[in-house]
Each structure stands twice: as C-alpha cells, then as structure tokens.
C-alpha cells in the first residue's frame, strides 16, 4: 500500500485546571478519508473518555475552528479573538486541511478543557507497515504515559470527599497468575475421573477434565491418558500434550517420568522400561503408610500386584501359601517402608502455596514439633481445605512411587 496516510502525534497537556507533565501521548495513523470527527473519536477512545456527552473542538493554526455546525456558528459570532470560519467536524477531512508538520489543538469538554497538542508528522506512512492492517478509522500505533480519568475519579465512588479505600490484604488472583481463581473453577471430581478410567470410557474421562483445575492432580489425570489415546479421539491429543507440558513445568518428583511415558504413548512408541500394571496407590501406601503395619513388601513384576512382607512368612499365611522370592529374583521388586519425612515435606509445601497469609502461618505453626500430622489434619478439616490437601498429597505420593519404579527399570503400563 502506498504511503498516503498521515502520522499524527497527540499529547495531553492537561485538563480540569491541572497541567500534566510529562505529557502522555499517542501516535495515530490517519487516512485520507478520515474526518476530524473520526480523529476526535479515536483520541477520546485512546485517552479513556467514557462519557462522550461533551463537545470536541479542533483549533487550527490559522484560527479556524472545527466542531459541530451549531457550536461553530456560535463561536464565529463571538466578539473575542480573531474572526473565525467554522468548519464542520462531521465532513471535513483531516488530510485536506492539514499538511505535513502542521500543529493544531484538540479540546474535549469545554467545561473541563482537556487540551491536546496535535502535530502531523513530517512524512506520510503506510498503515500496513505501522499497523499491519488498513483500519476504517484512525488508530494509534504508539503511545506513552498514564491517562487520567476525565473526572479525576480514583475509584468508582470517589466524590472528592471520601478517604481512599483500604487496599485488599492480598493481590488479586490475576496478579498472581492464578486466574481464573481457584474458587471460580469447578473442582476436579476425582471419584468420577477414576470411574471413567476404570471403565475405559474415554469420552467420560475427557468430560471429567474439561473446565476443571487439574494442576494438583496431574499424576492422577495422567493415569487415564493412555486409555483415552487408545480410542483415537481427535480431542484427546491436545489434552495429552497439555498434561505433558504441565508436568514438565511443574517438575515434581515423578513428573518427568510420567511426561516421558505419555510422550511415548502419543508417538506410538514402547515405554522406556519394563511395562508392568502396578497399582501406584497401593504401592505408595505400602511405601509411605503407617510404619506400624510392616517394614515393606514386594511387587510382582508378572502381575503388578503389591504384597507386604507377610507373603514370605509361612507362620503368617501358611507354609503352602508363602512365597520364596529368592527362588525367582527377577519376578520380584523389594520395597522398604520409609519414614515420615516426605509426608512432612508435603505439608510444608502445601502450607507455602496458600495465598492467605493468616492461613499459611497457621499451617506452618501446626507442623512444628511432635503431633504435627494430627494438628495439620485437624486444621485442614477445620478450614474446609481437606479435599485440596488430599488431592495435593496423593499426587505427590504417586509421583514419588512412579519415580521409585522408574529407578528399578519399571514403568506403569
């Protein structure tokens, strides 16, 4: 497109009796067919004028006034200032009355006198170069400065007499990159998600995910992705890739392993390890459950079943039922029960992520000293966040269990 448009710089000098400095400004692309009314509307848009029930007046360097016909006639009859020739703002074209380098004034609201200095650039421009489009109306393509409210209001109910409202105790979720806010997003229904996975129902699985916050349940969600991919639904792959990206970004224990497995499924490649259908929740409970239950157990690599130590004890289950794991060492993986450190770290991480400072401090105090687990559970129940805690802690435990298996060369298949 030819360079036939004007570049007009508009700077707001002041208004309502106040001079601004530095002057906020915008640079507009103005086409050959655009009228002064088009330019006035564009300036008022760019300078955030929401009440347009006021006059817009341009004053050119030769004294001519560009405004509506009635106002122009009244100003032409004025006994003050130079004799003026009124120009109709609705029909006069900017490009016909102004040349390169011209300076002129724009005033909005003759009561508050929002006064603007306008200068036409020294060279014409191509809108496709500066805007990427050819708009129907003048459009700004550069700008700077803070724009004052046209009535000087600092908040919705500001009448000039009231005190400034108290700032909220915590930032809005949008400022925390947490929008939509947690309370606005429907909670992920984990029982429904698990029922869909158990039933092998891809449509039901995907329906349970849509519009839900899944970031605290990625290990649990990821368990159903291979099943959904087997149904070759077109809407499954974007969900799978989103889960992979979220796992990569979260980068918790076991997240990289699951992301790698899901990518293999997406590509139709074998898992990078021995695939065994292990029940991760059962194994996780065996590794991190109540220390009084047993000292550990075994995973059957043929079936994926999880057993505690009693499987090897003839006195506990009978001589015929006891298993000699040493006779088939390649069939069994031994796991030992861990201490409570990982569980305590989960509580610590859950406390740190709370945006409410008072709640965060309460949770942090609850996990100090003996009895931390009981105090913490009582507090999350009291505060109504027990379900959040369950989802969060379960996902971290599943991630650690998946990482443990991967270290043994086993992938959950």
Foldseek 3Di string as FASTA:
>chain_A
DDLQWWKKKKWWQDWQPDGDPPTWIFIKTFHQQAFLVLVVVQVCVVLVAPDQPWWKWKAFPVGEIETAPVVNVVVQPDPDDDRYDYHYRVGHTPPVVDDAFTWIWMFIHPVGTRIMIMTIHNGGGDCCVQPVDDDPGMHTRDIDDDRAHPVNDPDDPDPPPDDDDDDDPFDDCVVVVCPPPQVVFDAQPLVQLVVCQVVLPLVSNVVSPPRHDCLLQLLSNLVRLLSNVVVVDPVSVVVLVVSLVSLVVVVAQQSPQSSQQSVCSVVVHDRQFQAAQADLLVQLCQQANDCVPAFWWKAFRVHNDTDGPCLQPCVRVHDVRRDDCVVPVVGIDTHGHDDCPVVLVLLLVVLVPDRPPVSSVLSVVLCPDPPSVVSNCVSCVVVVNNVVSVSNSSNNSSSNSQNVQVVVRYHHD
